[in-house]
PDB file of N, CA and C in Angstrom:
ATOM      1  N   MET A   1      49.230   7.231 -23.619  1.00  0.00           N
ATOM      2  CA  MET A   1      47.763   6.611 -23.099  1.00  0.00           C
ATOM      3  C   MET A   1      47.566   8.330 -22.792  1.00  0.00           C
ATOM      4  N   PHE A   2      48.458   9.357 -22.700  1.00  0.00           N
ATOM      5  CA  PHE A   2      46.758  11.012 -22.368  1.00  0.00           C
ATOM      6  C   PHE A   2      47.929  11.688 -23.800  1.00  0.00           C
ATOM      7  N   ASP A   3      46.864  12.813 -23.627  1.00  0.00           N
ATOM      8  CA  ASP A   3      46.558  13.923 -24.687  1.00  0.00           C
ATOM      9  C   ASP A   3      48.195  14.700 -24.447  1.00  0.00           C
ATOM     10  N   THR A   4      49.315  15.562 -24.835  1.00  0.00           N
ATOM     11  CA  THR A   4      49.788  16.097 -24.075  1.00  0.00           C
ATOM     12  C   THR A   4      49.675  17.805 -24.277  1.00  0.00           C
ATOM     13  N   ASP A   5      48.668  17.751 -24.949  1.00  0.00           N
ATOM     14  CA  ASP A   5      47.501  19.274 -24.694  1.00  0.00           C
ATOM     15  C   ASP A   5      47.016  19.686 -23.605  1.00  0.00           C
ATOM     16  N   VAL A   6      46.676  18.486 -22.822  1.00  0.00           N
ATOM     17  CA  VAL A   6      46.358  18.329 -21.438  1.00  0.00           C
ATOM     18  C   VAL A   6      46.582  18.781 -20.737  1.00  0.00           C
ATOM     19  N   LEU A   7      46.360  19.725 -19.776  1.00  0.00           N
ATOM     20  CA  LEU A   7      47.463  20.842 -18.452  1.00  0.00           C
ATOM     21  C   LEU A   7      46.574  19.660 -17.520  1.00  0.00           C
ATOM     22  N   PHE A   8      45.840  19.490 -16.781  1.00  0.00           N
ATOM     23  CA  PHE A   8      45.529  18.827 -15.960  1.00  0.00           C
ATOM     24  C   PHE A   8      44.922  17.315 -15.973  1.00  0.00           C
ATOM     25  N   ILE A   9      44.912  16.671 -15.490  1.00  0.00           N
ATOM     26  CA  ILE A   9      44.399  15.233 -14.941  1.00  0.00           C
ATOM     27  C   ILE A   9      43.062  15.456 -13.663  1.00  0.00           C
ATOM     28  N   TYR A  10      41.941  14.756 -14.449  1.00  0.00           N
ATOM     29  CA  TYR A  10      41.467  14.650 -13.422  1.00  0.00           C
ATOM     30  C   TYR A  10      40.632  13.070 -12.623  1.00  0.00           C
ATOM     31  N   TYR A  11      40.233  12.566 -11.661  1.00  0.00           N
ATOM     32  CA  TYR A  11      40.218  11.478 -11.405  1.00  0.00           C
ATOM     33  C   TYR A  11      39.244  11.644 -11.121  1.00  0.00           C
ATOM     34  N   ASN A  12      39.136   9.885 -11.937  1.00  0.00           N
ATOM     35  CA  ASN A  12      37.161   9.555 -12.218  1.00  0.00           C
ATOM     36  C   ASN A  12      36.820   8.182 -12.081  1.00  0.00           C
ATOM     37  N   PRO A  13      36.190   7.830 -11.351  1.00  0.00           N
ATOM     38  CA  PRO A  13      36.794   6.328 -11.159  1.00  0.00           C
ATOM     39  C   PRO A  13      35.668   5.234 -12.218  1.00  0.00           C
ATOM     40  N   TYR A  14      34.469   6.372 -13.358  1.00  0.00           N
ATOM     41  CA  TYR A  14      33.820   5.531 -14.148  1.00  0.00           C
ATOM     42  C   TYR A  14      34.876   5.873 -15.283  1.00  0.00           C
ATOM     43  N   PHE A  15      36.173   6.386 -15.860  1.00  0.00           N
ATOM     44  CA  PHE A  15      37.004   6.086 -17.139  1.00  0.00           C
ATOM     45  C   PHE A  15      37.481   5.103 -17.061  1.00  0.00           C
ATOM     46  N   SER A  16      38.390   4.324 -18.277  1.00  0.00           N
ATOM     47  CA  SER A  16      38.983   3.106 -17.872  1.00  0.00           C
ATOM     48  C   SER A  16      40.377   3.493 -17.586  1.00  0.00           C
ATOM     49  N   SER A  17      40.625   4.330 -17.545  1.00  0.00           N
ATOM     50  CA  SER A  17      42.324   4.794 -16.672  1.00  0.00           C
ATOM     51  C   SER A  17      41.981   5.752 -15.617  1.00  0.00           C
ATOM     52  N   GLN A  18      40.620   5.638 -14.931  1.00  0.00           N
ATOM     53  CA  GLN A  18      40.030   6.570 -14.135  1.00  0.00           C
ATOM     54  C   GLN A  18      41.132   7.756 -14.310  1.00  0.00           C
ATOM     55  N   ALA A  19      41.610   8.550 -15.162  1.00  0.00           N
ATOM     56  CA  ALA A  19      41.784  10.007 -14.933  1.00  0.00           C
ATOM     57  C   ALA A  19      41.562  10.951 -16.394  1.00  0.00           C
ATOM     58  N   THR A  20      41.052  11.627 -16.738  1.00  0.00           N
ATOM     59  CA  THR A  20      40.307  11.990 -17.859  1.00  0.00           C
ATOM     60  C   THR A  20      40.510  13.509 -17.797  1.00  0.00           C
ATOM     61  N   GLY A  21      40.669  14.273 -18.761  1.00  0.00           N
ATOM     62  CA  GLY A  21      41.346  15.460 -19.207  1.00  0.00           C
ATOM     63  C   GLY A  21      39.818  16.844 -18.835  1.00  0.00           C
ATOM     64  N   MET A  22      38.442  16.178 -18.726  1.00  0.00           N
ATOM     65  CA  MET A  22      37.636  16.950 -17.935  1.00  0.00           C
ATOM     66  C   MET A  22      37.489  16.917 -16.636  1.00  0.00           C
ATOM     67  N   ALA A  23      37.134  18.277 -16.152  1.00  0.00           N
ATOM     68  CA  ALA A  23      37.215  18.877 -14.849  1.00  0.00           C
ATOM     69  C   ALA A  23      35.565  18.853 -14.212  1.00  0.00           C
ATOM     70  N   PRO A  24      35.564  17.933 -13.192  1.00  0.00           N
ATOM     71  CA  PRO A  24      34.783  18.152 -12.351  1.00  0.00           C
ATOM     72  C   PRO A  24      33.152  18.640 -13.427  1.00  0.00           C
ATOM     73  N   PRO A  25      31.844  19.046 -13.404  1.00  0.00           N
ATOM     74  CA  PRO A  25      31.312  19.891 -13.542  1.00  0.00           C
ATOM     75  C   PRO A  25      30.944  21.141 -12.345  1.00  0.00           C
ATOM     76  N   SER A  26      31.294  20.787 -11.241  1.00  0.00           N
ATOM     77  CA  SER A  26      30.579  21.198 -10.097  1.00  0.00           C
ATOM     78  C   SER A  26      32.104  21.202  -8.654  1.00  0.00           C
ATOM     79  N   TYR A  27      32.002  22.060  -7.958  1.00  0.00           N
ATOM     80  CA  TYR A  27      33.450  21.320  -6.946  1.00  0.00           C
ATOM     81  C   TYR A  27      32.543  21.762  -5.613  1.00  0.00           C
ATOM     82  N   ASN A  28      33.178  21.291  -4.803  1.00  0.00           N
ATOM     83  CA  ASN A  28      33.631  21.379  -3.451  1.00  0.00           C
ATOM     84  C   ASN A  28      33.323  22.977  -3.186  1.00  0.00           C
ATOM     85  N   GLU A  29      31.917  23.452  -1.590  1.00  0.00           N
ATOM     86  CA  GLU A  29      31.949  25.200  -1.546  1.00  0.00           C
ATOM     87  C   GLU A  29      31.923  26.126  -2.956  1.00  0.00           C
ATOM     88  N   VAL A  30      31.374  25.217  -3.768  1.00  0.00           N
ATOM     89  CA  VAL A  30      30.857  26.679  -4.878  1.00  0.00           C
ATOM     90  C   VAL A  30      30.501  27.097  -4.338  1.00  0.00           C
ATOM     91  N   LEU A  31      29.406  26.774  -3.533  1.00  0.00           N
ATOM     92  CA  LEU A  31      28.263  27.807  -2.966  1.00  0.00           C
ATOM     93  C   LEU A  31      28.739  28.404  -1.584  1.00  0.00           C
ATOM     94  N   GLU A  32      27.850  29.476  -1.027  1.00  0.00           N
ATOM     95  CA  GLU A  32      27.055  29.254   0.613  1.00  0.00           C
ATOM     96  C   GLU A  32      26.187  29.296   0.825  1.00  0.00           C
ATOM     97  N   PHE A  33      25.242  28.652   1.617  1.00  0.00           N
ATOM     98  CA  PHE A  33      24.105  28.651   1.744  1.00  0.00           C
ATOM     99  C   PHE A  33      23.730  29.079   3.096  1.00  0.00           C
ATOM    100  N   ASP A  34      22.781  30.172   2.782  1.00  0.00           N
ATOM    101  CA  ASP A  34      22.090  30.459   4.072  1.00  0.00           C
ATOM    102  C   ASP A  34      21.757  30.165   5.897  1.00  0.00           C
ATOM    103  N   ASP A  35      21.367  28.704   5.341  1.00  0.00           N
ATOM    104  CA  ASP A  35      21.382  28.160   6.157  1.00  0.00           C
ATOM    105  C   ASP A  35      22.325  27.556   7.437  1.00  0.00           C
ATOM    106  N   GLY A  36      23.396  27.267   6.215  1.00  0.00           N
ATOM    107  CA  GLY A  36      24.603  27.135   7.051  1.00  0.00           C
ATOM    108  C   GLY A  36      24.760  25.542   6.688  1.00  0.00           C
ATOM    109  N   THR A  37      23.784  24.680   5.492  1.00  0.00           N
ATOM    110  CA  THR A  37      24.243  23.542   4.829  1.00  0.00           C
ATOM    111  C   THR A  37      25.625  23.570   4.302  1.00  0.00           C
ATOM    112  N   PRO A  38      26.153  22.159   4.559  1.00  0.00           N
ATOM    113  CA  PRO A  38      28.032  22.379   3.542  1.00  0.00           C
ATOM    114  C   PRO A  38      27.918  22.014   2.617  1.00  0.00           C
ATOM    115  N   ALA A  39      28.463  23.032   1.471  1.00  0.00           N
ATOM    116  CA  ALA A  39      27.962  22.453   0.495  1.00  0.00           C
ATOM    117  C   ALA A  39      29.231  22.042  -0.663  1.00  0.00           C
ATOM    118  N   THR A  40      29.009  20.635  -0.458  1.00  0.00           N
ATOM    119  CA  THR A  40      29.617  18.956  -1.082  1.00  0.00           C
ATOM    120  C   THR A  40      29.257  19.202  -2.105  1.00  0.00           C
ATOM    121  N   MET A  41      29.736  18.833  -3.302  1.00  0.00           N
ATOM    122  CA  MET A  41      29.318  18.519  -4.395  1.00  0.00           C
ATOM    123  C   MET A  41      28.294  17.954  -4.699  1.00  0.00           C
ATOM    124  N   SER A  42      27.951  16.931  -3.901  1.00  0.00           N
ATOM    125  CA  SER A  42      26.334  15.907  -3.792  1.00  0.00           C
ATOM    126  C   SER A  42      25.317  16.997  -3.086  1.00  0.00           C
ATOM    127  N   GLN A  43      25.184  18.098  -2.345  1.00  0.00           N
ATOM    128  CA  GLN A  43      24.161  18.886  -2.311  1.00  0.00           C
ATOM    129  C   GLN A  43      24.235  19.661  -2.882  1.00  0.00           C
ATOM    130  N   VAL A  44      25.501  19.861  -3.965  1.00  0.00           N
ATOM    131  CA  VAL A  44      25.515  20.847  -4.862  1.00  0.00           C
ATOM    132  C   VAL A  44      24.352  20.400  -6.105  1.00  0.00           C
ATOM    133  N   ALA A  45      24.611  18.986  -6.833  1.00  0.00           N
ATOM    134  CA  ALA A  45      24.207  17.776  -7.765  1.00  0.00           C
ATOM    135  C   ALA A  45      22.481  18.029  -7.470  1.00  0.00           C
ATOM    136  N   LYS A  46      22.073  17.860  -5.845  1.00  0.00           N
ATOM    137  CA  LYS A  46      21.044  17.830  -5.180  1.00  0.00           C
ATOM    138  C   LYS A  46      20.287  18.697  -5.579  1.00  0.00           C
ATOM    139  N   ASP A  47      21.192  19.802  -5.008  1.00  0.00           N
ATOM    140  CA  ASP A  47      20.718  21.218  -5.649  1.00  0.00           C
ATOM    141  C   ASP A  47      20.040  21.307  -6.922  1.00  0.00           C
ATOM    142  N   VAL A  48      20.653  21.310  -7.970  1.00  0.00           N
ATOM    143  CA  VAL A  48      20.718  21.203  -9.541  1.00  0.00           C
ATOM    144  C   VAL A  48      19.279  20.531  -9.924  1.00  0.00           C
ATOM    145  N   CYS A  49      19.408  19.348  -9.461  1.00  0.00           N
ATOM    146  CA  CYS A  49      18.733  18.095 -10.015  1.00  0.00           C
ATOM    147  C   CYS A  49      17.041  18.869  -9.491  1.00  0.00           C
ATOM    148  N   THR A  50      16.856  18.914  -8.231  1.00  0.00           N
ATOM    149  CA  THR A  50      15.639  20.173  -7.906  1.00  0.00           C
ATOM    150  C   THR A  50      15.497  20.967  -8.610  1.00  0.00           C
ATOM    151  N   PHE A  51      16.358  22.037  -8.958  1.00  0.00           N
ATOM    152  CA  PHE A  51      15.698  23.047  -9.762  1.00  0.00           C
ATOM    153  C   PHE A  51      15.114  22.557 -11.163  1.00  0.00           C
ATOM    154  N   LEU A  52      16.253  22.039 -11.758  1.00  0.00           N
ATOM    155  CA  LEU A  52      15.556  21.400 -12.959  1.00  0.00           C
ATOM    156  C   LEU A  52      14.462  20.532 -12.887  1.00  0.00           C
ATOM    157  N   ARG A  53      13.753  19.801 -11.905  1.00  0.00           N
ATOM    158  CA  ARG A  53      12.566  19.305 -11.747  1.00  0.00           C
ATOM    159  C   ARG A  53      11.622  20.054 -11.703  1.00  0.00           C
ATOM    160  N   TRP A  54      11.704  21.020 -11.214  1.00  0.00           N
ATOM    161  CA  TRP A  54      10.768  22.056 -10.911  1.00  0.00           C
ATOM    162  C   TRP A  54      10.605  22.788 -12.102  1.00  0.00           C
ATOM    163  N   ALA A  55      12.018  23.724 -12.601  1.00  0.00           N
ATOM    164  CA  ALA A  55      11.610  23.694 -13.761  1.00  0.00           C
ATOM    165  C   ALA A  55      10.830  23.223 -14.836  1.00  0.00           C
ATOM    166  N   ALA A  56      10.712  22.234 -15.164  1.00  0.00           N
ATOM    167  CA  ALA A  56      10.859  21.319 -16.178  1.00  0.00           C
ATOM    168  C   ALA A  56       9.244  21.018 -15.903  1.00  0.00           C
ATOM    169  N   GLU A  57       8.495  20.989 -14.601  1.00  0.00           N
ATOM    170  CA  GLU A  57       7.403  20.629 -14.780  1.00  0.00           C
ATOM    171  C   GLU A  57       6.318  21.782 -13.979  1.00  0.00           C
ATOM    172  N   LEU A  58       6.261  22.772 -15.292  1.00  0.00           N
ATOM    173  CA  LEU A  58       5.539  24.103 -14.052  1.00  0.00           C
ATOM    174  C   LEU A  58       4.386  23.576 -13.887  1.00  0.00           C
ATOM    175  N   GLU A  59       3.358  22.644 -14.476  1.00  0.00           N
ATOM    176  CA  GLU A  59       1.778  22.422 -13.976  1.00  0.00           C
ATOM    177  C   GLU A  59       2.191  21.769 -12.269  1.00  0.00           C
ATOM    178  N   HIS A  60       3.285  21.625 -11.621  1.00  0.00           N
ATOM    179  CA  HIS A  60       2.876  20.620 -10.884  1.00  0.00           C
ATOM    180  C   HIS A  60       2.506  21.211  -9.436  1.00  0.00           C
ATOM    181  N   ASP A  61       2.351  23.004  -9.172  1.00  0.00           N
ATOM    182  CA  ASP A  61       1.925  23.586  -8.716  1.00  0.00           C
ATOM    183  C   ASP A  61      -0.062  23.352  -8.539  1.00  0.00           C
ATOM    184  N   GLN A  62      -0.057  23.348  -9.442  1.00  0.00           N
ATOM    185  CA  GLN A  62      -1.772  23.338 -10.090  1.00  0.00           C
ATOM    186  C   GLN A  62      -2.441  22.118  -9.961  1.00  0.00           C
ATOM    187  N   ARG A  63      -1.531  21.305  -9.771  1.00  0.00           N
ATOM    188  CA  ARG A  63      -2.088  19.375 -10.029  1.00  0.00           C
ATOM    189  C   ARG A  63      -2.112  19.253  -8.768  1.00  0.00           C
ATOM    190  N   LYS A  64      -0.884  20.064  -7.113  1.00  0.00           N
ATOM    191  CA  LYS A  64      -1.353  19.243  -5.954  1.00  0.00           C
ATOM    192  C   LYS A  64      -1.911  20.556  -5.585  1.00  0.00           C
ATOM    193  N   ARG A  65      -2.954  21.119  -5.652  1.00  0.00           N
ATOM    194  CA  ARG A  65      -4.184  22.598  -5.428  1.00  0.00           C
ATOM    195  C   ARG A  65      -5.714  21.761  -5.945  1.00  0.00           C
ATOM    196  N   MET A  66      -5.086  21.478  -6.895  1.00  0.00           N
ATOM    197  CA  MET A  66      -6.943  20.536  -7.725  1.00  0.00           C
ATOM    198  C   MET A  66      -6.495  19.261  -6.854  1.00  0.00           C
ATOM    199  N   GLY A  67      -5.313  18.320  -6.073  1.00  0.00           N
ATOM    200  CA  GLY A  67      -5.634  17.737  -5.405  1.00  0.00           C
ATOM    201  C   GLY A  67      -5.702  17.553  -4.339  1.00  0.00           C
ATOM    202  N   LEU A  68      -5.676  18.521  -3.848  1.00  0.00           N
ATOM    203  CA  LEU A  68      -5.826  18.963  -1.987  1.00  0.00           C
ATOM    204  C   LEU A  68      -7.725  19.299  -1.835  1.00  0.00           C
ATOM    205  N   LYS A  69      -7.992  20.386  -3.332  1.00  0.00           N
ATOM    206  CA  LYS A  69      -9.555  20.459  -3.284  1.00  0.00           C
ATOM    207  C   LYS A  69     -10.110  18.978  -3.821  1.00  0.00           C
ATOM    208  N   LEU A  70      -9.721  18.211  -4.521  1.00  0.00           N
ATOM    209  CA  LEU A  70     -10.435  17.163  -4.717  1.00  0.00           C
ATOM    210  C   LEU A  70     -10.695  16.203  -2.984  1.00  0.00           C
ATOM    211  N   LEU A  71      -9.342  15.973  -2.149  1.00  0.00           N
ATOM    212  CA  LEU A  71      -9.656  15.522  -1.181  1.00  0.00           C
ATOM    213  C   LEU A  71     -10.290  16.179  -0.355  1.00  0.00           C
ATOM    214  N   MET A  72     -10.449  17.816  -0.440  1.00  0.00           N
ATOM    215  CA  MET A  72     -10.975  18.232   0.565  1.00  0.00           C
ATOM    216  C   MET A  72     -12.596  18.343   0.210  1.00  0.00           C
ATOM    217  N   GLY A  73     -13.328  18.439  -0.828  1.00  0.00           N
ATOM    218  CA  GLY A  73     -14.255  18.009  -1.744  1.00  0.00           C
ATOM    219  C   GLY A  73     -14.902  16.740  -1.402  1.00  0.00           C
ATOM    220  N   SER A  74     -14.291  15.423  -1.433  1.00  0.00           N
ATOM    221  CA  SER A  74     -14.485  13.868  -0.896  1.00  0.00           C
ATOM    222  C   SER A  74     -14.463  13.824   0.740  1.00  0.00           C
ATOM    223  N   ALA A  75     -14.244  14.723   1.244  1.00  0.00           N
ATOM    224  CA  ALA A  75     -13.961  14.597   2.567  1.00  0.00           C
ATOM    225  C   ALA A  75     -15.580  15.403   3.387  1.00  0.00           C
ATOM    226  N   VAL A  76     -16.356  16.066   2.693  1.00  0.00           N
ATOM    227  CA  VAL A  76     -17.829  16.691   2.648  1.00  0.00           C
ATOM    228  C   VAL A  76     -18.531  15.606   1.533  1.00  0.00           C
ATOM    229  N   LEU A  77     -18.259  15.922   0.907  1.00  0.00           N
ATOM    230  CA  LEU A  77     -19.615  14.688   0.275  1.00  0.00           C
ATOM    231  C   LEU A  77     -19.547  13.162   0.254  1.00  0.00           C
ATOM    232  N   ILE A  78     -18.296  12.311   0.887  1.00  0.00           N
ATOM    233  CA  ILE A  78     -18.532  11.224   0.365  1.00  0.00           C
ATOM    234  C   ILE A  78     -19.263  10.597   2.345  1.00  0.00           C
ATOM    235  N   PRO A  79     -19.222  11.534   3.367  1.00  0.00           N
ATOM    236  CA  PRO A  79     -20.316  11.399   4.284  1.00  0.00           C
ATOM    237  C   PRO A  79     -21.476  11.210   4.182  1.00  0.00           C
ATOM    238  N   PHE A  80     -21.600  12.476   3.118  1.00  0.00           N
ATOM    239  CA  PHE A  80     -22.793  12.880   3.266  1.00  0.00           C
ATOM    240  C   PHE A  80     -23.717  11.999   1.944  1.00  0.00           C
ATOM    241  N   VAL A  81     -23.068  11.243   1.146  1.00  0.00           N
ATOM    242  CA  VAL A  81     -24.027  10.415   0.441  1.00  0.00           C
ATOM    243  C   VAL A  81     -24.354   9.413   1.057  1.00  0.00           C
ATOM    244  N   TYR A  82     -23.214   8.717   1.791  1.00  0.00           N
ATOM    245  CA  TYR A  82     -23.644   7.662   2.636  1.00  0.00           C
ATOM    246  C   TYR A  82     -24.189   7.851   4.020  1.00  0.00           C
ATOM    247  N   TYR A  83     -24.829   9.017   4.950  1.00  0.00           N
ATOM    248  CA  TYR A  83     -26.264   9.133   5.496  1.00  0.00           C
ATOM    249  C   TYR A  83     -27.192   9.256   4.399  1.00  0.00           C
ATOM    250  N   LEU A  84     -27.310  10.078   2.895  1.00  0.00           N
ATOM    251  CA  LEU A  84     -28.185   9.798   2.471  1.00  0.00           C
ATOM    252  C   LEU A  84     -28.983   8.392   2.390  1.00  0.00           C
ATOM    253  N   LYS A  85     -27.565   7.376   1.410  1.00  0.00           N
ATOM    254  CA  LYS A  85     -28.093   5.636   1.207  1.00  0.00           C
ATOM    255  C   LYS A  85     -28.085   4.963   2.433  1.00  0.00           C
ATOM    256  N   SER A  86     -27.842   5.399   3.812  1.00  0.00           N
ATOM    257  CA  SER A  86     -28.444   4.370   5.359  1.00  0.00           C
ATOM    258  C   SER A  86     -30.225   5.292   5.170  1.00  0.00           C
ATOM    259  N   HIS A  87     -29.990   6.745   5.156  1.00  0.00           N
ATOM    260  CA  HIS A  87     -31.308   7.068   5.184  1.00  0.00           C
ATOM    261  C   HIS A  87     -32.427   6.536   4.478  1.00  0.00           C
ATOM    262  N   ARG A  88     -31.829   6.372   2.880  1.00  0.00           N
ATOM    263  CA  ARG A  88     -33.196   5.895   2.014  1.00  0.00           C
ATOM    264  C   ARG A  88     -33.460   4.481   2.121  1.00  0.00           C
ATOM    265  N   SER A  89     -32.189   3.865   2.603  1.00  0.00           N
ATOM    266  CA  SER A  89     -33.037   2.148   2.827  1.00  0.00           C
ATOM    267  C   SER A  89     -32.876   1.770   4.247  1.00  0.00           C
ATOM    268  N   SER A  90     -33.064   2.639   4.872  1.00  0.00           N
ATOM    269  CA  SER A  90     -32.819   2.620   5.782  1.00  0.00           C
ATOM    270  C   SER A  90     -34.751   1.290   6.217  1.00  0.00           C
ATOM    271  N   ALA A  91     -35.758   2.057   5.177  1.00  0.00           N
ATOM    272  CA  ALA A  91     -37.039   1.847   4.683  1.00  0.00           C
ATOM    273  C   ALA A  91     -36.939   0.080   4.885  1.00  0.00           C
ATOM    274  N   LEU A  92     -35.799  -0.040   3.776  1.00  0.00           N
ATOM    275  CA  LEU A  92     -35.674  -1.699   3.981  1.00  0.00           C
ATOM    276  C   LEU A  92     -35.499  -2.505   4.609  1.00  0.00           C
ATOM    277  N   LYS A  93     -34.353  -2.000   5.504  1.00  0.00           N
ATOM    278  CA  LYS A  93     -33.193  -2.680   6.220  1.00  0.00           C
ATOM    279  C   LYS A  93     -34.924  -2.784   7.864  1.00  0.00           C
ATOM    280  N   SER A  94     -35.670  -2.194   8.082  1.00  0.00           N
ATOM    281  CA  SER A  94     -36.208  -2.696   9.166  1.00  0.00           C
ATOM    282  C   SER A  94     -37.267  -3.206   8.780  1.00  0.00           C
ATOM    283  N   GLY A  95     -37.732  -2.962   7.503  1.00  0.00           N
ATOM    284  CA  GLY A  95     -39.321  -3.838   7.112  1.00  0.00           C
ATOM    285  C   GLY A  95     -39.173  -5.513   6.835  1.00  0.00           C
ATOM    286  N   LYS A  96     -40.500  -6.119   7.499  1.00  0.00           N
ATOM    287  CA  LYS A  96     -40.090  -6.932   7.316  1.00  0.00           C
ATOM    288  C   LYS A  96     -40.708  -7.509   6.176  1.00  0.00           C
ATOM    289  N   ILE A  97     -40.027  -8.762   5.513  1.00  0.00           N
ATOM    290  CA  ILE A  97     -40.128  -9.387   3.995  1.00  0.00           C
ATOM    291  C   ILE A  97     -40.781 -10.779   4.314  1.00  0.00           C
ATOM    292  N   ALA A  98     -42.285 -11.108   3.651  1.00  0.00           N
ATOM    293  CA  ALA A  98     -42.648 -12.002   3.890  1.00  0.00           C
ATOM    294  C   ALA A  98     -43.415 -12.920   2.546  1.00  0.00           C
ATOM    295  N   TYR A  99     -43.142 -14.022   2.170  1.00  0.00           N
ATOM    296  CA  TYR A  99     -43.670 -14.639   0.893  1.00  0.00           C
ATOM    297  C   TYR A  99     -44.851 -15.062   1.298  1.00  0.00           C
ATOM    298  N   ARG A 100     -45.530 -14.621   0.444  1.00  0.00           N
ATOM    299  CA  ARG A 100     -47.155 -14.716   0.292  1.00  0.00           C
ATOM    300  C   ARG A 100     -47.065 -15.756  -0.763  1.00  0.00           C
ATOM    301  N   PRO A 101     -47.171 -17.464  -0.531  1.00  0.00           N
ATOM    302  CA  PRO A 101     -47.537 -17.959  -2.040  1.00  0.00           C
ATOM    303  C   PRO A 101     -49.108 -17.866  -2.756  1.00  0.00           C
ATOM    304  N   PRO A 102     -49.141 -18.097  -4.445  1.00  0.00           N
ATOM    305  CA  PRO A 102     -50.431 -17.520  -4.837  1.00  0.00           C
ATOM    306  C   PRO A 102     -51.152 -18.202  -4.486  1.00  0.00           C
ATOM    307  N   LYS A 103     -53.107 -17.946  -4.905  1.00  0.00           N
ATOM    308  CA  LYS A 103     -53.709 -18.993  -4.610  1.00  0.00           C
ATOM    309  C   LYS A 103     -54.493 -19.823  -5.250  1.00  0.00           C
TER     310      LYS A 103
END
């Protein structure tokens, strides 16, 4: 069933015999966090995934800054454009439209 060269057998629920010779990639309490977060295997895996995502998207911070600038510009520009539209169309709104048939 197993190789005789393998000295250690590790539990793996996703393997067909639920045992494998490959050690888990991370262990509980392999790290110490400054804020006192427990260093469980799932927390270490989450931290590794977060770091890999951060390292893969170098332009993420630039996109966030650009989006914030866009929102701030829109917050100023949209009310200004709305004011101009209402001011220009006020003459049309308040004027009386009468139909005069041709003679």
